[in-house]
């Protein structure tokens, strides 16, 4: 199991388009992917779950990945969040 603390650095947070990019990437992996904030934990492969967290710029969450391809999944999802600003998100 991999646990990573991630801070959203892009100006608009994980709104619909970045959340969609996240879910598309997360769905490629067999591992279980969860996003946990202080008061909620959602399936990292569910766009509605992610949007329900209301993650804005500066928000922090814990990425929890567990499974056969957990290392690759965690690294790529963290890189996606870190590169949202470069993609105009």
N, C-alpha and C. Protein backbone atom coordinates (compact mmCIF):
# COMPACT_ATOMS: atom_id res chain seq x y z
N UNK A 1 0.85 -1.18 0.00
CA UNK A 1 0.00 0.00 0.00
C UNK A 1 0.89 1.24 0.00
N UNK A 2 0.52 2.21 -0.81
CA UNK A 2 1.25 3.47 -0.90
C UNK A 2 0.33 4.60 -0.44
N UNK A 3 0.86 5.44 0.43
CA UNK A 3 0.15 6.64 0.90
C UNK A 3 0.98 7.85 0.50
N UNK A 4 0.36 8.80 -0.16
CA UNK A 4 1.05 10.03 -0.57
C UNK A 4 0.19 11.23 -0.21
N UNK A 5 0.81 12.23 0.40
CA UNK A 5 0.13 13.49 0.66
C UNK A 5 0.37 14.40 -0.53
N UNK A 6 -0.71 14.90 -1.10
CA UNK A 6 -0.63 15.72 -2.32
C UNK A 6 -1.35 17.04 -2.08
N UNK A 7 -0.74 18.12 -2.56
CA UNK A 7 -1.35 19.45 -2.50
C UNK A 7 -1.67 19.89 -3.93
N UNK A 8 -2.87 20.39 -4.12
CA UNK A 8 -3.28 20.88 -5.44
C UNK A 8 -2.70 22.27 -5.64
N UNK A 9 -1.89 22.42 -6.68
CA UNK A 9 -1.19 23.69 -6.90
C UNK A 9 -1.74 24.50 -8.06
N UNK A 10 -2.58 23.89 -8.91
CA UNK A 10 -3.12 24.68 -10.02
C UNK A 10 -4.20 25.63 -9.49
N UNK A 11 -4.48 26.66 -10.24
CA UNK A 11 -5.35 27.73 -9.75
C UNK A 11 -6.82 27.34 -9.62
N UNK A 12 -7.27 26.34 -10.37
CA UNK A 12 -8.70 26.02 -10.35
C UNK A 12 -9.05 24.74 -9.60
N UNK A 13 -8.08 24.02 -9.08
CA UNK A 13 -8.36 22.82 -8.30
C UNK A 13 -8.77 21.65 -9.16
N UNK A 14 -9.40 20.66 -8.55
CA UNK A 14 -9.85 19.47 -9.29
C UNK A 14 -11.32 19.65 -9.68
N UNK A 15 -11.56 20.59 -10.60
CA UNK A 15 -12.92 20.77 -11.13
C UNK A 15 -13.16 19.70 -12.20
N UNK A 16 -14.20 19.81 -12.96
CA UNK A 16 -14.66 18.74 -13.85
C UNK A 16 -13.59 18.22 -14.82
N UNK A 17 -12.92 19.10 -15.54
CA UNK A 17 -11.95 18.61 -16.54
C UNK A 17 -10.75 17.91 -15.89
N UNK A 18 -10.07 18.52 -14.90
CA UNK A 18 -8.96 17.80 -14.28
C UNK A 18 -9.41 16.51 -13.57
N UNK A 19 -10.60 16.52 -12.99
CA UNK A 19 -11.11 15.31 -12.35
C UNK A 19 -11.34 14.22 -13.39
N UNK A 20 -11.80 14.61 -14.57
CA UNK A 20 -12.00 13.67 -15.66
C UNK A 20 -10.67 13.07 -16.11
N UNK A 21 -9.64 13.92 -16.22
CA UNK A 21 -8.30 13.43 -16.58
C UNK A 21 -7.79 12.44 -15.53
N UNK A 22 -8.03 12.78 -14.26
CA UNK A 22 -7.61 11.90 -13.15
C UNK A 22 -8.28 10.53 -13.27
N UNK A 23 -9.62 10.53 -13.46
CA UNK A 23 -10.37 9.28 -13.52
C UNK A 23 -9.93 8.44 -14.73
N UNK A 24 -9.69 9.09 -15.86
CA UNK A 24 -9.22 8.37 -17.03
C UNK A 24 -7.90 7.66 -16.73
N UNK A 25 -6.99 8.36 -16.08
CA UNK A 25 -5.70 7.75 -15.74
C UNK A 25 -5.86 6.67 -14.68
N UNK A 26 -6.60 6.97 -13.62
CA UNK A 26 -6.76 6.02 -12.52
C UNK A 26 -7.41 4.72 -13.00
N UNK A 27 -8.31 4.82 -13.96
CA UNK A 27 -9.03 3.64 -14.45
C UNK A 27 -8.15 2.68 -15.23
N UNK A 28 -6.98 3.11 -15.62
CA UNK A 28 -6.03 2.25 -16.34
C UNK A 28 -5.38 1.21 -15.42
N UNK A 29 -5.45 1.45 -14.13
CA UNK A 29 -4.73 0.61 -13.18
C UNK A 29 -5.66 -0.37 -12.48
N UNK A 30 -5.11 -1.54 -12.17
CA UNK A 30 -5.86 -2.56 -11.45
C UNK A 30 -5.96 -2.26 -9.97
N UNK A 31 -5.02 -1.49 -9.45
CA UNK A 31 -4.96 -1.18 -8.02
C UNK A 31 -6.19 -0.42 -7.56
N UNK A 32 -6.50 -0.56 -6.29
CA UNK A 32 -7.52 0.25 -5.64
C UNK A 32 -6.94 1.64 -5.42
N UNK A 33 -7.70 2.67 -5.77
CA UNK A 33 -7.24 4.05 -5.63
C UNK A 33 -8.29 4.82 -4.84
N UNK A 34 -7.85 5.42 -3.75
CA UNK A 34 -8.74 6.21 -2.89
C UNK A 34 -8.16 7.59 -2.70
N UNK A 35 -9.04 8.56 -2.50
CA UNK A 35 -8.64 9.93 -2.15
C UNK A 35 -9.28 10.23 -0.80
N UNK A 36 -8.44 10.62 0.15
CA UNK A 36 -8.92 10.88 1.50
C UNK A 36 -8.60 12.32 1.90
N UNK A 37 -9.62 13.02 2.39
CA UNK A 37 -9.43 14.33 2.99
C UNK A 37 -9.73 14.19 4.48
N UNK A 38 -9.72 15.28 5.20
CA UNK A 38 -9.95 15.22 6.64
C UNK A 38 -11.24 14.51 7.02
N UNK A 39 -12.31 14.75 6.26
CA UNK A 39 -13.60 14.20 6.66
C UNK A 39 -14.22 13.23 5.66
N UNK A 40 -13.54 12.94 4.56
CA UNK A 40 -14.14 12.06 3.55
C UNK A 40 -13.09 11.18 2.89
N UNK A 41 -13.56 10.04 2.41
CA UNK A 41 -12.73 9.16 1.58
C UNK A 41 -13.59 8.69 0.42
N UNK A 42 -13.07 8.85 -0.80
CA UNK A 42 -13.84 8.47 -1.99
C UNK A 42 -13.01 7.58 -2.89
N UNK A 43 -13.71 6.88 -3.77
CA UNK A 43 -13.07 6.05 -4.78
C UNK A 43 -12.38 6.98 -5.79
N UNK A 44 -11.08 6.79 -5.99
CA UNK A 44 -10.32 7.62 -6.91
C UNK A 44 -10.61 7.36 -8.36
N UNK A 45 -11.50 6.42 -8.64
CA UNK A 45 -11.90 6.14 -10.02
C UNK A 45 -13.33 6.63 -10.29
N UNK A 46 -13.89 7.38 -9.35
CA UNK A 46 -15.26 7.90 -9.47
C UNK A 46 -15.24 9.41 -9.61
N UNK A 47 -15.66 9.90 -10.76
CA UNK A 47 -15.65 11.35 -10.98
C UNK A 47 -16.60 12.04 -10.01
N UNK A 48 -17.75 11.45 -9.73
CA UNK A 48 -18.69 12.07 -8.79
C UNK A 48 -18.10 12.13 -7.39
N UNK A 49 -17.40 11.07 -7.00
CA UNK A 49 -16.75 11.06 -5.70
C UNK A 49 -15.72 12.17 -5.57
N UNK A 50 -14.90 12.30 -6.60
CA UNK A 50 -13.84 13.32 -6.58
C UNK A 50 -14.46 14.72 -6.56
N UNK A 51 -15.45 14.96 -7.41
CA UNK A 51 -16.08 16.28 -7.44
C UNK A 51 -16.77 16.61 -6.12
N UNK A 52 -17.27 15.59 -5.44
CA UNK A 52 -17.97 15.82 -4.17
C UNK A 52 -17.02 16.35 -3.08
N UNK A 53 -15.72 16.13 -3.25
CA UNK A 53 -14.75 16.62 -2.27
C UNK A 53 -14.53 18.13 -2.37
N UNK A 54 -14.82 18.71 -3.53
CA UNK A 54 -14.65 20.15 -3.72
C UNK A 54 -13.21 20.60 -3.54
N UNK A 55 -12.27 19.87 -4.11
CA UNK A 55 -10.85 20.18 -3.94
C UNK A 55 -10.46 21.40 -4.78
N UNK A 56 -10.10 22.47 -4.10
CA UNK A 56 -9.71 23.71 -4.78
C UNK A 56 -8.20 23.91 -4.66
N UNK A 57 -7.72 24.98 -5.25
CA UNK A 57 -6.29 25.30 -5.18
C UNK A 57 -5.84 25.38 -3.73
N UNK A 58 -4.75 24.71 -3.42
CA UNK A 58 -4.23 24.70 -2.06
C UNK A 58 -4.76 23.56 -1.20
N UNK A 59 -5.79 22.88 -1.68
CA UNK A 59 -6.34 21.74 -0.93
C UNK A 59 -5.32 20.61 -0.85
N UNK A 60 -5.35 19.91 0.25
CA UNK A 60 -4.48 18.77 0.44
C UNK A 60 -5.32 17.52 0.59
N UNK A 61 -4.81 16.41 0.06
CA UNK A 61 -5.49 15.14 0.22
C UNK A 61 -4.45 14.04 0.28
N UNK A 62 -4.90 12.88 0.75
CA UNK A 62 -4.02 11.73 0.80
C UNK A 62 -4.45 10.76 -0.29
N UNK A 63 -3.49 10.37 -1.10
CA UNK A 63 -3.71 9.37 -2.14
C UNK A 63 -3.36 8.01 -1.55
N UNK A 64 -4.28 7.07 -1.64
CA UNK A 64 -4.07 5.72 -1.11
C UNK A 64 -4.21 4.75 -2.28
N UNK A 65 -3.11 4.07 -2.59
CA UNK A 65 -3.10 3.13 -3.72
C UNK A 65 -2.66 1.77 -3.21
N UNK A 66 -3.41 0.74 -3.56
CA UNK A 66 -3.10 -0.60 -3.09
C UNK A 66 -3.37 -1.61 -4.19
N UNK A 67 -2.31 -2.32 -4.60
CA UNK A 67 -2.49 -3.35 -5.62
C UNK A 67 -1.21 -3.64 -6.37
N UNK A 68 -1.33 -4.46 -7.40
CA UNK A 68 -0.18 -4.95 -8.15
C UNK A 68 0.61 -3.84 -8.84
N UNK A 69 -0.08 -2.81 -9.34
CA UNK A 69 0.60 -1.73 -10.07
C UNK A 69 0.57 -0.41 -9.29
N UNK A 70 0.59 -0.52 -7.96
CA UNK A 70 0.43 0.65 -7.09
C UNK A 70 1.52 1.70 -7.27
N UNK A 71 2.76 1.28 -7.45
CA UNK A 71 3.86 2.24 -7.57
C UNK A 71 3.69 3.12 -8.81
N UNK A 72 3.44 2.49 -9.94
CA UNK A 72 3.24 3.22 -11.19
C UNK A 72 2.02 4.13 -11.11
N UNK A 73 0.93 3.62 -10.55
CA UNK A 73 -0.30 4.41 -10.44
C UNK A 73 -0.07 5.64 -9.56
N UNK A 74 0.54 5.46 -8.40
CA UNK A 74 0.77 6.57 -7.48
C UNK A 74 1.66 7.64 -8.11
N UNK A 75 2.73 7.22 -8.76
CA UNK A 75 3.66 8.17 -9.38
C UNK A 75 2.97 8.95 -10.49
N UNK A 76 2.22 8.27 -11.35
CA UNK A 76 1.58 8.94 -12.48
C UNK A 76 0.45 9.87 -12.05
N UNK A 77 -0.32 9.48 -11.05
CA UNK A 77 -1.40 10.35 -10.57
C UNK A 77 -0.84 11.58 -9.86
N UNK A 78 0.22 11.41 -9.10
CA UNK A 78 0.86 12.57 -8.46
C UNK A 78 1.42 13.51 -9.53
N UNK A 79 2.05 12.97 -10.55
CA UNK A 79 2.59 13.80 -11.63
C UNK A 79 1.47 14.54 -12.36
N UNK A 80 0.33 13.89 -12.55
CA UNK A 80 -0.81 14.54 -13.20
C UNK A 80 -1.24 15.77 -12.42
N UNK A 81 -1.40 15.64 -11.12
CA UNK A 81 -1.81 16.78 -10.30
C UNK A 81 -0.76 17.88 -10.35
N UNK A 82 0.50 17.51 -10.29
CA UNK A 82 1.58 18.50 -10.29
C UNK A 82 1.72 19.22 -11.63
N UNK A 83 1.21 18.61 -12.71
CA UNK A 83 1.34 19.21 -14.04
C UNK A 83 0.06 19.87 -14.57
N UNK A 84 -0.98 19.94 -13.76
CA UNK A 84 -2.24 20.54 -14.21
C UNK A 84 -2.06 22.00 -14.64
N UNK A 85 -1.26 22.74 -13.90
CA UNK A 85 -1.04 24.16 -14.23
C UNK A 85 -0.40 24.28 -15.62
N UNK A 86 0.51 23.39 -15.95
CA UNK A 86 1.19 23.40 -17.26
C UNK A 86 0.25 23.05 -18.39
N UNK A 87 -0.85 22.37 -18.07
CA UNK A 87 -1.84 21.99 -19.09
C UNK A 87 -2.95 23.03 -19.22
N UNK A 88 -2.82 24.15 -18.55
CA UNK A 88 -3.82 25.19 -18.63
C UNK A 88 -5.04 24.95 -17.77
N UNK A 89 -4.91 24.07 -16.79
CA UNK A 89 -6.03 23.76 -15.89
C UNK A 89 -5.87 24.59 -14.65
